[in-house]
């Protein structure tokens, strides 16, 4: 089983690779309330780097900005809208 620190690094690297061709630079939220573990998965929220730095709405990226990382395999993937809503990783734990 991977540690929280390790899966966070995996999520950040996955995000770097996924977003290389995107119009916006993105980053994981640094705050702990945007990181969670439910069952076998860790979840991390991401957003545009400008939004994270300023919290100005004009930089906010809409849609599900979530990455899941499997705690054993380390497999990372983006979550879709319905899955994000169903899992609600940052809701009641």
C-alpha atoms as a PDB file:
ATOM      1  CA  UNK A   1       0.000   0.000   0.000  1.00  0.00           C
ATOM      2  CA  UNK A   2       1.302   3.449  -0.939  1.00  0.00           C
ATOM      3  CA  UNK A   3       1.617   6.320   1.525  1.00  0.00           C
ATOM      4  CA  UNK A   4      -0.392   9.535   1.159  1.00  0.00           C
ATOM      5  CA  UNK A   5       2.785  11.413   0.251  1.00  0.00           C
ATOM      6  CA  UNK A   6       3.650   8.912  -2.466  1.00  0.00           C
ATOM      7  CA  UNK A   7       0.197   8.860  -4.069  1.00  0.00           C
ATOM      8  CA  UNK A   8       0.112  12.668  -4.000  1.00  0.00           C
ATOM      9  CA  UNK A   9       3.373  12.714  -5.976  1.00  0.00           C
ATOM     10  CA  UNK A  10       1.869  10.163  -8.396  1.00  0.00           C
ATOM     11  CA  UNK A  11      -1.234  12.350  -8.825  1.00  0.00           C
ATOM     12  CA  UNK A  12       0.885  15.472  -9.437  1.00  0.00           C
ATOM     13  CA  UNK A  13       2.997  13.683 -12.047  1.00  0.00           C
ATOM     14  CA  UNK A  14      -0.106  12.263 -13.724  1.00  0.00           C
ATOM     15  CA  UNK A  15      -1.606  15.753 -13.838  1.00  0.00           C
ATOM     16  CA  UNK A  16       1.579  17.178 -15.391  1.00  0.00           C
ATOM     17  CA  UNK A  17       1.491  14.556 -18.153  1.00  0.00           C
ATOM     18  CA  UNK A  18      -2.273  14.851 -18.765  1.00  0.00           C
ATOM     19  CA  UNK A  19      -2.275  18.640 -18.950  1.00  0.00           C
ATOM     20  CA  UNK A  20       0.748  19.165 -21.183  1.00  0.00           C
ATOM     21  CA  UNK A  21      -1.448  20.220 -24.139  1.00  0.00           C
ATOM     22  CA  UNK A  22      -4.127  22.028 -22.132  1.00  0.00           C
ATOM     23  CA  UNK A  23      -4.676  25.770 -22.459  1.00  0.00           C
ATOM     24  CA  UNK A  24      -4.425  26.276 -18.690  1.00  0.00           C
ATOM     25  CA  UNK A  25      -1.619  25.417 -16.299  1.00  0.00           C
ATOM     26  CA  UNK A  26      -3.037  23.284 -13.483  1.00  0.00           C
ATOM     27  CA  UNK A  27      -1.928  22.116 -10.063  1.00  0.00           C
ATOM     28  CA  UNK A  28      -3.190  20.077  -7.129  1.00  0.00           C
ATOM     29  CA  UNK A  29      -4.795  22.041  -4.317  1.00  0.00           C
ATOM     30  CA  UNK A  30      -2.282  22.269  -1.452  1.00  0.00           C
ATOM     31  CA  UNK A  31      -4.947  22.292   1.290  1.00  0.00           C
ATOM     32  CA  UNK A  32      -5.669  19.065   3.152  1.00  0.00           C
ATOM     33  CA  UNK A  33      -9.458  19.384   2.698  1.00  0.00           C
ATOM     34  CA  UNK A  34      -8.910  18.728  -1.053  1.00  0.00           C
ATOM     35  CA  UNK A  35      -7.249  15.375  -0.369  1.00  0.00           C
ATOM     36  CA  UNK A  36      -9.145  12.307   0.788  1.00  0.00           C
ATOM     37  CA  UNK A  37      -9.043   8.553   1.055  1.00  0.00           C
ATOM     38  CA  UNK A  38     -12.154   6.437   0.638  1.00  0.00           C
ATOM     39  CA  UNK A  39     -11.808   2.695   0.437  1.00  0.00           C
ATOM     40  CA  UNK A  40      -8.937   1.685  -1.831  1.00  0.00           C
ATOM     41  CA  UNK A  41      -8.607   5.113  -3.475  1.00  0.00           C
ATOM     42  CA  UNK A  42      -7.046   8.449  -2.708  1.00  0.00           C
ATOM     43  CA  UNK A  43      -8.631  11.547  -4.268  1.00  0.00           C
ATOM     44  CA  UNK A  44      -7.043  14.873  -5.112  1.00  0.00           C
ATOM     45  CA  UNK A  45      -8.650  18.032  -6.441  1.00  0.00           C
ATOM     46  CA  UNK A  46      -6.877  20.217  -8.958  1.00  0.00           C
ATOM     47  CA  UNK A  47      -7.501  23.617 -10.434  1.00  0.00           C
ATOM     48  CA  UNK A  48      -5.760  26.243 -12.552  1.00  0.00           C
ATOM     49  CA  UNK A  49      -2.578  27.508 -10.937  1.00  0.00           C
ATOM     50  CA  UNK A  50      -3.885  31.065 -11.235  1.00  0.00           C
ATOM     51  CA  UNK A  51      -7.066  30.185  -9.345  1.00  0.00           C
ATOM     52  CA  UNK A  52      -5.146  28.364  -6.597  1.00  0.00           C
ATOM     53  CA  UNK A  53      -2.845  31.385  -6.202  1.00  0.00           C
ATOM     54  CA  UNK A  54      -5.489  34.144  -6.338  1.00  0.00           C
ATOM     55  CA  UNK A  55      -8.923  32.511  -5.736  1.00  0.00           C
ATOM     56  CA  UNK A  56     -10.266  34.839  -8.420  1.00  0.00           C
ATOM     57  CA  UNK A  57     -13.333  33.325 -10.105  1.00  0.00           C
ATOM     58  CA  UNK A  58     -12.167  34.357 -13.575  1.00  0.00           C
ATOM     59  CA  UNK A  59      -9.450  31.664 -13.361  1.00  0.00           C
ATOM     60  CA  UNK A  60     -11.741  28.881 -12.079  1.00  0.00           C
ATOM     61  CA  UNK A  61     -11.924  25.709 -14.200  1.00  0.00           C
ATOM     62  CA  UNK A  62     -15.417  24.220 -14.281  1.00  0.00           C
ATOM     63  CA  UNK A  63     -16.204  20.549 -14.300  1.00  0.00           C
ATOM     64  CA  UNK A  64     -14.899  17.662 -12.239  1.00  0.00           C
ATOM     65  CA  UNK A  65     -11.284  18.445 -11.469  1.00  0.00           C
ATOM     66  CA  UNK A  66     -10.536  15.247  -9.569  1.00  0.00           C
ATOM     67  CA  UNK A  67      -7.879  12.572  -9.790  1.00  0.00           C
ATOM     68  CA  UNK A  68      -8.162   9.157  -8.165  1.00  0.00           C
ATOM     69  CA  UNK A  69      -5.128   7.065  -7.262  1.00  0.00           C
ATOM     70  CA  UNK A  70      -5.469   3.390  -6.344  1.00  0.00           C
ATOM     71  CA  UNK A  71      -3.785   2.801  -2.986  1.00  0.00           C
ATOM     72  CA  UNK A  72      -2.190  -0.514  -4.021  1.00  0.00           C
ATOM     73  CA  UNK A  73      -1.443  -0.227  -7.742  1.00  0.00           C
ATOM     74  CA  UNK A  74      -0.830   3.533  -7.899  1.00  0.00           C
ATOM     75  CA  UNK A  75      -3.013   3.762 -11.020  1.00  0.00           C
ATOM     76  CA  UNK A  76      -4.153   7.353 -11.603  1.00  0.00           C
ATOM     77  CA  UNK A  77      -7.124   8.595 -13.586  1.00  0.00           C
ATOM     78  CA  UNK A  78      -9.406  11.576 -13.989  1.00  0.00           C
ATOM     79  CA  UNK A  79     -12.941  11.220 -12.651  1.00  0.00           C
ATOM     80  CA  UNK A  80     -15.994  12.088 -14.709  1.00  0.00           C
ATOM     81  CA  UNK A  81     -18.920  14.223 -13.597  1.00  0.00           C
ATOM     82  CA  UNK A  82     -21.235  11.405 -12.517  1.00  0.00           C
ATOM     83  CA  UNK A  83     -18.523   9.439 -10.762  1.00  0.00           C
ATOM     84  CA  UNK A  84     -17.297  12.550  -8.910  1.00  0.00           C
ATOM     85  CA  UNK A  85     -20.830  13.280  -7.728  1.00  0.00           C
ATOM     86  CA  UNK A  86     -21.477   9.675  -6.709  1.00  0.00           C
ATOM     87  CA  UNK A  87     -18.208   9.273  -4.774  1.00  0.00           C
ATOM     88  CA  UNK A  88     -18.226  12.788  -3.265  1.00  0.00           C
ATOM     89  CA  UNK A  89     -14.668  12.287  -1.980  1.00  0.00           C
ATOM     90  CA  UNK A  90     -14.517  15.503   0.043  1.00  0.00           C
ATOM     91  CA  UNK A  91     -17.977  15.142   1.580  1.00  0.00           C
ATOM     92  CA  UNK A  92     -18.733  13.170   4.734  1.00  0.00           C
ATOM     93  CA  UNK A  93     -15.982  10.673   5.412  1.00  0.00           C
END
